[in-house]
Protein backbone atom coordinates (compact mmCIF):
# COMPACT_ATOMS: atom_id res chain seq x y z
CA MET A 1 -0.02 27.59 14.66
CA GLY A 2 -1.84 24.31 15.12
CA ARG A 3 -0.88 21.91 17.84
CA PHE A 4 -0.69 18.17 18.03
CA ASP A 5 -3.77 16.87 19.84
CA LYS A 6 -3.35 13.24 20.78
CA GLU A 7 -6.98 13.05 21.92
CA LYS A 8 -8.03 13.22 18.26
CA PHE A 9 -6.64 9.71 17.85
CA GLY A 10 -9.06 8.41 20.50
CA LEU A 11 -12.69 7.43 20.14
CA GLN A 12 -14.26 10.05 22.36
CA HIS A 13 -16.34 13.07 21.38
CA HIS A 14 -18.03 15.86 23.29
CA ASP A 15 -21.42 15.54 21.50
CA VAL A 16 -23.07 12.15 22.06
CA ASP A 17 -26.15 13.30 20.15
CA LEU A 18 -24.28 13.14 16.82
CA PHE A 19 -23.85 9.39 17.12
CA HIS A 20 -27.48 8.27 16.98
CA ARG A 21 -29.21 10.74 14.66
CA SER A 22 -29.05 11.96 11.09
CA GLU A 23 -27.33 15.13 9.94
CA TRP A 24 -30.73 16.14 8.59
CA ASP A 25 -32.62 15.64 11.86
CA GLY A 26 -32.89 18.36 14.44
CA GLN A 27 -30.53 18.39 17.40
CA GLY A 28 -31.62 15.82 19.96
CA VAL A 29 -34.06 14.21 17.49
CA THR A 30 -33.84 10.63 16.20
CA SER A 31 -36.48 10.57 13.48
CA THR A 32 -38.58 7.59 12.46
CA TRP A 33 -37.34 7.77 8.88
CA TYR A 34 -33.76 7.52 10.13
CA VAL A 35 -34.60 4.42 12.18
CA ILE A 36 -36.18 2.84 9.10
CA TYR A 37 -33.15 3.74 6.97
CA ARG A 38 -30.69 2.22 9.44
CA VAL A 39 -32.66 -1.01 9.83
CA CYS A 40 -33.15 -1.40 6.07
CA LEU A 41 -29.45 -0.80 5.38
CA ALA A 42 -28.45 -3.41 7.96
CA LEU A 43 -30.93 -5.95 6.56
CA PHE A 44 -29.79 -5.27 2.99
CA MET A 45 -26.14 -5.91 3.87
CA VAL A 46 -26.89 -9.04 5.91
CA THR A 47 -29.02 -10.41 3.06
CA GLY A 48 -26.28 -9.73 0.51
CA ILE A 49 -23.61 -11.51 2.55
CA VAL A 50 -25.81 -14.53 3.23
CA LEU A 51 -26.74 -14.82 -0.45
CA HIS A 52 -23.10 -14.66 -1.54
CA PHE A 53 -21.99 -17.21 1.07
CA VAL A 54 -24.76 -19.63 0.12
CA SER A 55 -24.15 -19.12 -3.61
CA THR A 56 -20.45 -20.01 -3.25
CA LEU A 57 -20.77 -22.99 -0.92
CA ASP A 58 -20.05 -25.43 -3.76
CA THR A 59 -16.97 -23.53 -4.99
CA LEU A 60 -15.48 -21.90 -1.88
CA GLY A 61 -17.09 -23.52 1.14
CA THR A 62 -15.34 -22.39 4.31
CA LYS A 63 -12.61 -20.77 2.21
CA TRP A 64 -15.11 -17.92 1.84
CA PHE A 65 -13.63 -16.51 5.05
CA ILE A 66 -10.03 -16.29 3.79
CA TYR A 67 -10.69 -13.38 1.43
CA MET A 68 -10.12 -9.81 2.55
CA THR A 69 -13.22 -8.70 0.65
CA ASN A 70 -15.42 -11.09 2.59
CA GLN A 71 -13.83 -10.31 5.95
CA GLY A 72 -14.07 -6.57 5.27
CA ILE A 73 -17.70 -6.55 4.19
CA SER A 74 -18.61 -8.86 7.11
CA PHE A 75 -17.17 -6.39 9.62
CA LEU A 76 -18.80 -3.50 7.74
CA THR A 77 -22.15 -5.29 8.04
CA ILE A 78 -21.60 -5.93 11.75
CA HIS A 79 -21.06 -2.18 12.08
CA TYR A 80 -24.34 -1.47 10.25
CA VAL A 81 -26.22 -3.89 12.51
CA LEU A 82 -24.65 -2.40 15.63
CA TYR A 83 -25.41 1.12 14.44
CA ALA A 84 -29.05 0.17 13.76
CA GLY A 85 -29.28 -1.21 17.29
CA ILE A 86 -27.90 2.02 18.77
CA VAL A 87 -30.34 4.19 16.82
CA CYS A 88 -33.32 1.95 17.65
CA GLY A 89 -32.29 1.91 21.29
CA GLN A 90 -32.17 5.71 21.39
CA LYS A 91 -35.47 6.07 19.50
CA PHE A 92 -37.45 3.75 21.73
CA SER A 93 -35.71 4.55 25.00
CA SER A 94 -37.66 6.55 27.53
CA GLY A 95 -34.50 8.02 29.05
CA PRO A 96 -32.68 11.24 28.04
CA THR A 97 -29.73 11.41 25.66
CA PRO A 98 -26.57 10.25 27.49
CA ILE A 99 -24.39 13.07 28.77
CA GLY A 100 -20.71 12.49 29.38
CA PRO A 101 -18.10 10.40 27.58
CA LEU A 102 -19.29 8.27 24.69
CA PRO A 103 -20.64 4.95 25.99
CA PHE A 104 -18.42 1.99 25.10
CA ILE A 105 -20.87 0.69 22.51
CA TYR A 106 -20.86 4.10 20.78
CA SER A 107 -17.05 4.20 20.69
CA LEU A 108 -16.92 0.63 19.38
CA SER A 109 -19.46 1.47 16.67
CA TRP A 110 -17.59 4.65 15.67
CA GLY A 111 -14.30 2.76 15.51
CA MET A 112 -15.80 0.01 13.33
CA GLN A 113 -17.41 2.59 11.07
CA THR A 114 -14.14 4.48 10.66
CA SER A 115 -12.09 1.35 10.01
CA PHE A 116 -14.34 -0.58 7.68
CA THR A 117 -15.63 2.30 5.54
CA THR A 118 -11.98 3.04 4.71
CA VAL A 119 -11.28 -0.67 4.20
CA ALA A 120 -14.30 -0.87 1.87
CA LEU A 121 -12.94 1.99 -0.24
CA TRP A 122 -9.51 0.31 -0.37
CA ILE A 123 -11.05 -3.02 -1.41
CA SER A 124 -13.09 -1.39 -4.18
CA ILE A 125 -10.07 0.47 -5.58
CA ILE A 126 -7.75 -2.55 -5.48
CA TYR A 127 -10.33 -4.95 -6.91
CA TRP A 128 -11.39 -2.88 -9.92
CA THR A 129 -7.85 -1.72 -10.77
CA ALA A 130 -5.70 -4.77 -9.99
CA LEU A 131 -7.81 -7.89 -9.46
CA HIS A 132 -10.77 -7.63 -11.83
CA PRO A 133 -8.59 -8.22 -14.94
CA TYR A 134 -7.35 -11.46 -13.31
CA VAL A 135 -10.95 -12.50 -12.57
CA VAL A 136 -11.95 -11.86 -16.19
CA GLU A 137 -8.87 -13.60 -17.64
CA TYR A 138 -9.53 -16.83 -15.75
CA ASN A 139 -13.32 -16.61 -16.02
CA ILE A 140 -13.65 -16.97 -12.25
CA ILE A 141 -17.09 -15.37 -12.02
CA VAL A 142 -19.69 -16.99 -14.26
CA GLY A 143 -23.35 -16.06 -14.70
CA THR A 144 -25.46 -12.94 -14.18
CA TRP A 145 -26.32 -13.78 -10.56
CA MET A 146 -22.68 -14.18 -9.49
CA ASN A 147 -21.73 -10.98 -11.31
CA ILE A 148 -24.48 -9.13 -9.42
CA LEU A 149 -23.13 -10.46 -6.14
CA ASN A 150 -19.61 -9.49 -7.22
CA VAL A 151 -20.76 -5.89 -7.72
CA PHE A 152 -22.38 -6.03 -4.29
CA LEU A 153 -19.09 -7.12 -2.69
CA HIS A 154 -16.75 -4.76 -4.53
CA GLY A 155 -18.95 -1.82 -5.48
CA LEU A 156 -22.04 -1.48 -3.34
CA ASN A 157 -19.89 -1.84 -0.23
CA THR A 158 -18.34 1.57 -0.94
CA VAL A 159 -21.54 3.08 -2.37
CA SER A 160 -23.34 2.22 0.89
CA CYS A 161 -20.58 4.00 2.83
CA ILE A 162 -20.81 7.13 0.65
CA VAL A 163 -24.59 7.31 1.06
CA ASP A 164 -24.28 6.72 4.80
CA MET A 165 -21.65 9.43 5.22
CA LEU A 166 -24.06 11.88 3.59
CA ILE A 167 -26.90 10.92 5.94
CA THR A 168 -25.39 10.19 9.35
CA ALA A 169 -24.44 13.02 11.72
CA ARG A 170 -21.27 11.28 12.89
CA PRO A 171 -17.98 13.12 12.42
CA VAL A 172 -14.86 11.75 10.73
CA ARG A 173 -11.34 12.31 11.99
CA ILE A 174 -8.37 11.89 9.68
CA HIS A 175 -6.42 10.89 12.82
CA HIS A 176 -8.35 7.59 12.83
CA PHE A 177 -6.65 6.30 9.67
CA TYR A 178 -4.66 3.90 11.86
CA LEU A 179 -7.79 1.82 12.55
CA ALA A 180 -7.94 0.68 8.92
CA CYS A 181 -4.18 0.06 9.05
CA LEU A 182 -4.71 -2.29 12.00
CA PHE A 183 -7.09 -4.38 9.91
CA GLY A 184 -4.56 -4.37 7.07
CA ILE A 185 -1.83 -5.57 9.42
CA TRP A 186 -4.14 -8.29 10.73
CA TYR A 187 -4.90 -9.49 7.21
CA THR A 188 -1.21 -9.41 6.28
CA PHE A 189 -0.34 -11.73 9.17
CA PHE A 190 -3.33 -13.91 8.33
CA SER A 191 -2.34 -14.30 4.67
CA VAL A 192 1.29 -15.05 5.54
CA ILE A 193 0.35 -17.67 8.14
CA TYR A 194 -2.24 -19.17 5.79
CA TRP A 195 0.35 -19.50 3.01
CA ALA A 196 3.06 -20.83 5.36
CA ALA A 197 0.65 -23.46 6.67
CA GLY A 198 0.05 -24.75 3.13
CA GLY A 199 -3.25 -23.02 2.49
CA VAL A 200 -4.28 -22.49 -1.12
CA GLY A 201 -6.50 -20.04 -2.93
CA MET A 202 -8.73 -20.54 -5.94
CA CYS A 203 -8.79 -24.07 -7.42
CA LEU A 204 -9.71 -24.20 -11.12
CA PRO A 205 -9.13 -26.50 -14.12
CA ARG A 206 -6.10 -25.14 -16.00
CA CYS A 207 -3.81 -26.46 -18.73
CA PHE A 208 -0.43 -24.74 -18.56
CA ASN A 209 1.57 -26.84 -21.06
CA LEU A 210 -0.59 -26.83 -24.17
CA ARG A 211 1.07 -27.19 -27.57
CA LEU A 212 1.21 -24.02 -29.61
CA ASP A 213 -1.01 -25.62 -32.26
CA SER A 214 -3.53 -26.93 -29.69
CA THR A 215 -7.15 -25.86 -30.11
CA MET A 216 -7.96 -26.58 -26.45
CA ASP A 217 -8.56 -23.61 -24.17
CA GLU A 218 -6.25 -23.44 -21.15
CA LEU A 219 -9.36 -23.18 -18.95
CA ASP A 220 -11.09 -26.19 -20.50
CA PRO A 221 -13.07 -28.18 -17.89
CA SER A 222 -11.11 -31.30 -18.83
CA CYS A 223 -7.84 -29.71 -17.65
CA PRO A 224 -6.42 -30.85 -14.31
CA ILE A 225 -7.41 -28.88 -11.23
CA HIS A 226 -4.75 -26.37 -10.20
CA CYS A 227 -4.83 -24.46 -6.92
CA ASP A 228 -3.20 -21.06 -6.51
CA LYS A 229 -0.50 -20.82 -3.85
CA TYR A 230 -1.89 -17.45 -2.78
CA ILE A 231 -5.20 -15.93 -1.77
CA TYR A 232 -4.73 -12.97 -4.11
CA PRO A 233 -2.14 -12.70 -6.91
CA ILE A 234 -0.96 -9.38 -5.44
CA LEU A 235 -0.26 -11.19 -2.14
CA ASP A 236 1.89 -14.00 -3.54
CA TRP A 237 4.29 -14.53 -0.63
CA GLU A 238 6.01 -17.51 -2.29
CA ASP A 239 6.94 -16.26 -5.76
CA HIS A 240 6.56 -12.49 -5.43
CA PRO A 241 7.13 -11.51 -1.78
CA GLY A 242 8.49 -8.10 -2.74
CA MET A 243 5.32 -7.18 -4.58
CA ALA A 244 3.20 -8.46 -1.68
CA ALA A 245 5.18 -6.40 0.83
CA GLY A 246 4.89 -3.38 -1.46
CA VAL A 247 1.11 -3.72 -1.59
CA VAL A 248 0.94 -3.84 2.21
CA ILE A 249 3.25 -0.84 2.69
CA GLY A 250 1.51 1.09 -0.07
CA GLY A 251 -1.84 0.42 1.55
CA CYS A 252 -0.67 1.78 4.90
CA VAL A 253 0.72 4.89 3.19
CA LEU A 254 -2.56 5.47 1.35
CA MET A 255 -4.83 5.05 4.38
CA PRO A 256 -4.56 8.70 5.55
CA LEU A 257 -5.51 9.78 2.01
CA LEU A 258 -8.53 7.46 1.92
CA GLN A 259 -9.55 8.63 5.38
CA SER A 260 -9.24 12.21 4.13
CA ALA A 261 -11.70 11.38 1.34
CA TRP A 262 -14.33 10.48 3.95
CA TRP A 263 -13.48 13.63 5.88
CA GLY A 264 -14.10 15.58 2.68
CA ILE A 265 -17.53 13.98 2.19
CA VAL A 266 -18.45 14.89 5.77
CA TRP A 267 -17.22 18.44 5.15
CA VAL A 268 -19.58 18.69 2.15
CA ARG A 269 -22.43 17.22 4.20
CA GLN A 270 -21.94 19.64 7.08
CA THR A 271 -21.54 22.58 4.72
CA CYS A 272 -24.80 21.74 2.94
CA SER A 273 -26.68 21.30 6.21
CA GLY A 274 -25.18 24.42 7.77
CA THR A 275 -23.83 22.58 10.80
CA ARG A 276 -20.09 22.92 10.12
CA LYS A 277 -19.50 24.79 13.35
CA GLU A 278 -17.69 22.21 15.46
CA LYS A 279 -14.84 23.54 17.58
CA PHE A 280 -11.87 21.51 18.71
CA TYR A 281 -12.61 21.18 22.41
CA LYS A 282 -10.77 18.96 24.83
CA VAL A 283 -13.22 16.24 25.78
CA ASP A 284 -12.77 16.60 29.53
CA GLU A 285 -13.38 20.35 29.46
CA VAL A 286 -16.57 20.05 27.44
CA GLN A 287 -17.96 17.29 29.65
CA GLN A 288 -17.32 19.50 32.69
CA GLU A 289 -19.22 22.36 31.04
CA LEU A 290 -22.14 20.03 30.27
CA HIS A 291 -22.13 18.76 33.85
CA ASP A 292 -22.09 22.30 35.25
CA SER A 293 -24.99 23.34 33.01
CA MET A 294 -27.13 20.58 34.54
CA LEU A 295 -26.65 21.89 38.07
């Protein structure tokens, strides 16, 4: 029978080489094409975030930072930048591949990757199933350019993660589902405190008390400005706290399943590359074997 291995919840691994090369590179090889890929991905994500922030300065301003989508994709991008730095550092370093426990920067990068790829998948699912109809109903996103940026935020975030999971050599552990939960808990506290402090969400012209025979649209620009008392309608802590709590609890319950989806993609990747041979070693024992082999 299997046994509970608490070390699987940690951010250590016996093979440092997996964390700075592609699945499709040879062992101990960080190829030039992989360096180019990592740098281009990081630059693409940084460019997308900057363009969206600048394009919404007149409508959101600093409120850009209150949205889970924007926080999540910002942390995902920081991960991509950090990962690019690790790969470039390994490629252009004259020293050998580190032997021993994962360096702190590697563990931090792996933790961010695990957390914010799962958060990206959660954001994409929730947006397109629950929030997009609200966006369409109130005509919140207007124009081709803003719709392109919206797809970047809520679609390409997850697509980039899928592509990356198929290219990177890094493993995925289902045990790490709690890292995405920690971000969810953080955002829950943030949204509650923001609401309790009087913070508001989207502010738009709306007419709520139109006569039945009125020809004016309820979103007519001449309507008075109305600000939502929530950041997202599914996190309405004032009028629908039960629904908001249900979303949070449901998200935490679903995180192991979403993490399993990434594990499945890695399983396919390793099967296709013929490298699905990893054994479940205790980290300390493997590091001792590596140390002994160097003597």
